[in-house]
Amino acid sequence: MPEGPSIVILKEEVQQFTNQKVITASGTANIDIERINNKTIREFKTWGKHFLICFDDFTVKIHLLMFGTYRINDQKELQPRLSMVFKTGELNFYTCSVKILEGDINTHYDWSIDVMNENWNPKKAKESLEKIPETMICDAVLDQNIFSGVGNIIKNEVLFRCFIHPESLTGKIPINDLNELISECSIYSFEFLYWKKKFELKKHWQAHTKKICPRCNIPLHKKQTGDKKRRSFFCTNCQVLY
């Protein structure tokens, strides 16, 4: 599943279609696709893992799920969920969720919980974590209502950076460590974005999919952790279990 930084890259790649009219819209998505025809795209936005195509009075929300893809000025043999043709090119989405959000997009989203948004509010994240003291931090970091845009890669790398075991209970983590973790969720997301643009993201992974701890030079553990049962890669020597 693409994480927040990858959706920001998508937003940057499609700026050529801002203020362009959709000449033809088609696809298999269960929405009123005809409504998009002859409408002008006013803005592209992101909220975490959501890609938002904003028109005057409605927004098309794209979620790429686990295996979604897109093509800009290109096509796949697979039938698209949504295809939009413009005077200067086309935009196609495959194997994804497509929904229409009515009215002002700002009424649908809280931008302060998106770790890559200019309105990101770490204090709000801290308050949310304080309400779930018995939740494992590996689940809390993946909660899109607290850290919108954070996915499993960012989770593993941030927990490793902060020396925190993924099965630690949120309420047991020392406050200074918790504050650092909250900050790193945003910091690492922007580093992720920078490295991915340079096609060198994997080169910088310290824990995710790795077998040896670069700090302790001992085997990392691989385990499905928390209620979400997502893959965690961690060191039982340097990552403290609280």
Protein backbone atom coordinates (compact mmCIF):
# COMPACT_ATOMS: atom_id res chain seq x y z
CA MET A 1 0.00 0.00 0.00
CA PRO A 2 1.49 3.39 -0.99
CA GLU A 3 2.29 5.56 2.02
CA GLY A 4 1.71 9.29 2.33
CA PRO A 5 4.95 10.42 0.61
CA SER A 6 4.16 8.37 -2.50
CA ILE A 7 0.77 10.06 -2.79
CA VAL A 8 2.46 13.46 -2.50
CA ILE A 9 4.66 12.44 -5.45
CA LEU A 10 1.53 11.55 -7.42
CA LYS A 11 0.11 14.99 -6.66
CA GLU A 12 3.28 16.64 -7.95
CA GLU A 13 3.32 14.52 -11.10
CA VAL A 14 -0.22 15.49 -12.18
CA GLN A 15 0.05 19.26 -11.78
CA GLN A 16 0.00 19.58 -15.58
CA PHE A 17 -3.75 18.84 -15.41
CA THR A 18 -4.64 21.58 -12.91
CA ASN A 19 -7.29 23.90 -14.38
CA GLN A 20 -7.79 21.55 -17.32
CA LYS A 21 -11.20 20.31 -18.43
CA VAL A 22 -11.94 16.60 -18.45
CA ILE A 23 -12.91 15.89 -22.06
CA THR A 24 -13.86 12.26 -21.41
CA ALA A 25 -14.21 10.30 -18.20
CA SER A 26 -14.74 6.55 -18.12
CA GLY A 27 -14.01 3.45 -16.04
CA THR A 28 -15.49 0.69 -13.90
CA ALA A 29 -15.75 2.65 -10.64
CA ASN A 30 -19.17 2.59 -9.02
CA ILE A 31 -19.69 6.35 -9.17
CA ASP A 32 -21.52 8.77 -11.46
CA ILE A 33 -18.62 9.04 -13.89
CA GLU A 34 -20.67 11.10 -16.34
CA ARG A 35 -20.65 13.85 -13.74
CA ILE A 36 -16.91 14.33 -14.32
CA ASN A 37 -17.24 14.93 -18.07
CA ASN A 38 -16.58 18.54 -19.09
CA LYS A 39 -15.70 19.52 -15.52
CA THR A 40 -12.52 21.47 -14.76
CA ILE A 41 -10.07 20.22 -12.16
CA ARG A 42 -9.41 23.08 -9.74
CA GLU A 43 -6.81 21.47 -7.50
CA PHE A 44 -5.11 18.24 -6.50
CA LYS A 45 -4.70 17.56 -2.78
CA THR A 46 -3.60 14.72 -0.55
CA TRP A 47 -4.63 13.59 2.90
CA GLY A 48 -2.43 10.78 4.09
CA LYS A 49 -2.97 7.93 1.64
CA HIS A 50 -5.92 9.65 -0.07
CA PHE A 51 -5.44 11.35 -3.43
CA LEU A 52 -8.01 14.08 -4.00
CA ILE A 53 -9.12 15.50 -7.36
CA CYS A 54 -11.02 18.68 -6.55
CA PHE A 55 -13.71 20.12 -8.82
CA ASP A 56 -15.95 23.13 -8.12
CA ASP A 57 -18.57 21.40 -5.98
CA PHE A 58 -17.28 17.88 -5.43
CA THR A 59 -14.06 15.91 -5.07
CA VAL A 60 -13.04 12.51 -6.42
CA LYS A 61 -11.20 10.52 -3.75
CA ILE A 62 -8.74 7.87 -4.90
CA HIS A 63 -7.33 5.27 -2.51
CA LEU A 64 -4.80 2.93 -4.11
CA LEU A 65 -5.39 0.24 -1.45
CA MET A 66 -2.84 -2.60 -1.48
CA PHE A 67 -2.25 -3.01 -5.21
CA GLY A 68 -3.53 0.15 -6.89
CA THR A 69 -1.54 1.81 -9.65
CA TYR A 70 -1.79 4.81 -11.94
CA ARG A 71 -0.52 5.88 -15.34
CA ILE A 72 0.03 9.42 -16.58
CA ASN A 73 -0.20 9.83 -20.35
CA ASP A 74 -0.01 6.06 -20.61
CA GLN A 75 -2.26 3.01 -20.24
CA LYS A 76 -2.18 -0.55 -18.93
CA GLU A 77 -3.95 -3.45 -20.62
CA LEU A 78 -6.11 -3.68 -17.50
CA GLN A 79 -9.41 -1.79 -17.62
CA PRO A 80 -9.12 1.35 -15.47
CA ARG A 81 -11.28 2.08 -12.47
CA LEU A 82 -11.17 5.71 -13.57
CA SER A 83 -9.78 7.26 -16.73
CA MET A 84 -9.76 10.98 -17.47
CA VAL A 85 -8.73 12.33 -20.85
CA PHE A 86 -7.62 15.95 -21.25
CA LYS A 87 -6.64 18.06 -24.23
CA THR A 88 -2.97 17.53 -23.40
CA GLY A 89 -2.95 14.00 -22.01
CA GLU A 90 -4.67 11.43 -19.79
CA LEU A 91 -4.72 10.10 -16.23
CA ASN A 92 -5.64 6.48 -15.45
CA PHE A 93 -6.16 4.68 -12.13
CA TYR A 94 -6.27 0.91 -11.67
CA THR A 95 -7.27 -1.53 -8.91
CA CYS A 96 -8.23 1.24 -6.51
CA SER A 97 -11.13 2.67 -4.57
CA VAL A 98 -12.91 5.64 -6.18
CA LYS A 99 -15.51 7.72 -4.34
CA ILE A 100 -17.14 11.13 -4.71
CA LEU A 101 -17.14 13.57 -1.79
CA GLU A 102 -19.75 16.31 -1.99
CA GLY A 103 -19.20 19.99 -1.33
CA ASP A 104 -16.18 21.71 0.22
CA ILE A 105 -13.33 19.22 0.69
CA ASN A 106 -12.32 20.98 3.91
CA THR A 107 -15.49 19.68 5.58
CA HIS A 108 -14.38 16.08 4.98
CA TYR A 109 -10.83 16.15 6.35
CA ASP A 110 -8.90 17.22 9.41
CA TRP A 111 -5.64 18.42 7.88
CA SER A 112 -3.97 18.66 11.29
CA ILE A 113 -3.55 14.88 11.55
CA ASP A 114 -1.77 14.51 8.18
CA VAL A 115 1.93 14.23 9.05
CA MET A 116 2.94 15.89 5.76
CA ASN A 117 0.43 18.70 5.77
CA GLU A 118 1.48 22.25 6.66
CA ASN A 119 -1.23 22.18 9.33
CA TRP A 120 0.12 19.01 11.01
CA ASN A 121 -0.36 19.32 14.77
CA PRO A 122 1.91 17.04 16.87
CA LYS A 123 0.17 18.19 20.04
CA LYS A 124 -3.07 16.71 18.74
CA ALA A 125 -1.31 13.42 18.01
CA LYS A 126 -0.01 13.33 21.57
CA GLU A 127 -3.49 13.94 22.97
CA SER A 128 -4.85 11.10 20.85
CA LEU A 129 -2.13 8.72 22.04
CA GLU A 130 -2.87 9.58 25.65
CA LYS A 131 -6.43 8.27 25.11
CA ILE A 132 -5.21 4.79 24.11
CA PRO A 133 -2.60 3.85 26.77
CA GLU A 134 -3.18 0.09 26.39
CA THR A 135 -2.71 0.10 22.60
CA MET A 136 0.54 -1.27 21.22
CA ILE A 137 2.57 1.52 19.64
CA CYS A 138 2.87 -0.48 16.40
CA ASP A 139 -0.92 -0.15 16.01
CA ALA A 140 -1.09 3.45 17.23
CA VAL A 141 1.47 4.66 14.69
CA LEU A 142 -0.57 3.09 11.88
CA ASP A 143 -3.84 4.69 13.04
CA GLN A 144 -4.78 7.04 10.19
CA ASN A 145 -6.87 9.12 12.57
CA ILE A 146 -3.70 9.98 14.49
CA PHE A 147 -0.87 9.75 11.95
CA SER A 148 -2.50 10.08 8.54
CA GLY A 149 -0.08 8.98 5.84
CA VAL A 150 2.12 6.75 8.00
CA GLY A 151 2.42 3.20 6.68
CA ASN A 152 4.33 0.11 7.66
CA ILE A 153 7.70 1.22 6.30
CA ILE A 154 7.57 4.49 8.20
CA LYS A 155 6.34 2.67 11.31
CA ASN A 156 9.28 0.26 11.34
CA GLU A 157 11.89 2.91 10.61
CA VAL A 158 10.58 5.43 13.15
CA LEU A 159 10.34 2.85 15.95
CA PHE A 160 13.89 1.75 15.20
CA ARG A 161 15.16 5.34 15.20
CA CYS A 162 13.49 5.97 18.53
CA PHE A 163 14.74 2.74 20.16
CA ILE A 164 11.15 1.62 20.86
CA HIS A 165 9.96 -2.00 20.62
CA PRO A 166 6.82 -2.21 18.42
CA GLU A 167 4.87 -4.14 21.08
CA SER A 168 5.38 -1.42 23.70
CA LEU A 169 2.17 -0.13 25.26
CA THR A 170 1.63 3.49 24.31
CA GLY A 171 0.89 4.62 27.84
CA LYS A 172 4.10 3.06 29.20
CA ILE A 173 6.49 4.87 26.83
CA PRO A 174 8.42 7.71 28.56
CA ILE A 175 7.10 11.12 27.56
CA ASN A 176 10.36 12.30 25.97
CA ASP A 177 10.53 9.16 23.84
CA LEU A 178 6.89 9.54 22.86
CA ASN A 179 7.44 13.15 21.81
CA GLU A 180 10.42 12.10 19.73
CA LEU A 181 8.38 9.38 18.04
CA ILE A 182 5.62 11.83 17.18
CA SER A 183 8.12 14.24 15.62
CA GLU A 184 9.89 11.48 13.72
CA CYS A 185 6.66 10.33 12.08
CA SER A 186 6.62 13.65 10.22
CA ILE A 187 10.38 14.03 9.81
CA TYR A 188 10.86 10.56 8.37
CA SER A 189 7.90 11.02 6.01
CA PHE A 190 9.65 13.98 4.38
CA GLU A 191 12.94 12.08 4.23
CA PHE A 192 11.02 9.19 2.62
CA LEU A 193 9.72 11.66 0.03
CA TYR A 194 13.21 13.01 -0.69
CA TRP A 195 14.80 9.56 -1.01
CA LYS A 196 11.98 8.14 -3.11
CA LYS A 197 12.31 10.99 -5.60
CA LYS A 198 16.00 10.09 -5.90
CA PHE A 199 15.11 6.39 -6.34
CA GLU A 200 17.18 5.44 -3.31
CA LEU A 201 14.60 4.86 -0.57
CA LYS A 202 15.52 1.23 0.18
CA LYS A 203 19.18 2.15 0.54
CA HIS A 204 18.32 4.14 3.67
CA TRP A 205 16.24 1.49 5.43
CA GLN A 206 17.71 0.54 8.79
CA ALA A 207 15.12 -2.00 9.94
CA HIS A 208 12.35 -2.57 7.39
CA THR A 209 12.94 -5.95 5.65
CA LYS A 210 16.47 -6.07 7.10
CA LYS A 211 17.99 -9.13 8.79
CA ILE A 212 20.78 -7.62 10.90
CA CYS A 213 20.57 -4.71 13.34
CA PRO A 214 23.02 -2.04 12.13
CA ARG A 215 23.54 -0.86 15.72
CA CYS A 216 24.00 -4.18 17.51
CA ASN A 217 25.12 -6.42 14.65
CA ILE A 218 22.72 -9.18 15.75
CA PRO A 219 19.70 -10.66 13.92
CA LEU A 220 16.58 -8.51 13.75
CA HIS A 221 13.26 -10.09 14.64
CA LYS A 222 10.48 -10.29 12.06
CA LYS A 223 6.97 -10.66 13.47
CA GLN A 224 3.37 -9.75 12.78
CA THR A 225 2.60 -7.45 15.69
CA GLY A 226 -0.44 -5.82 17.25
CA ASP A 227 -4.10 -6.17 16.35
CA LYS A 228 -3.31 -5.07 12.81
CA LYS A 229 -0.91 -8.02 12.35
CA ARG A 230 1.43 -5.98 10.18
CA ARG A 231 5.06 -6.98 9.67
CA SER A 232 7.46 -5.51 12.19
CA PHE A 233 11.25 -5.66 11.97
CA PHE A 234 12.95 -4.84 15.26
CA CYS A 235 15.92 -5.44 17.54
CA THR A 236 15.20 -6.92 20.96
CA ASN A 237 18.52 -5.59 22.23
CA CYS A 238 18.35 -1.86 21.46
CA GLN A 239 14.57 -1.32 21.08
CA VAL A 240 13.09 -1.13 24.55
CA LEU A 241 9.86 -2.97 25.35
CA TYR A 242 7.79 -0.74 27.61
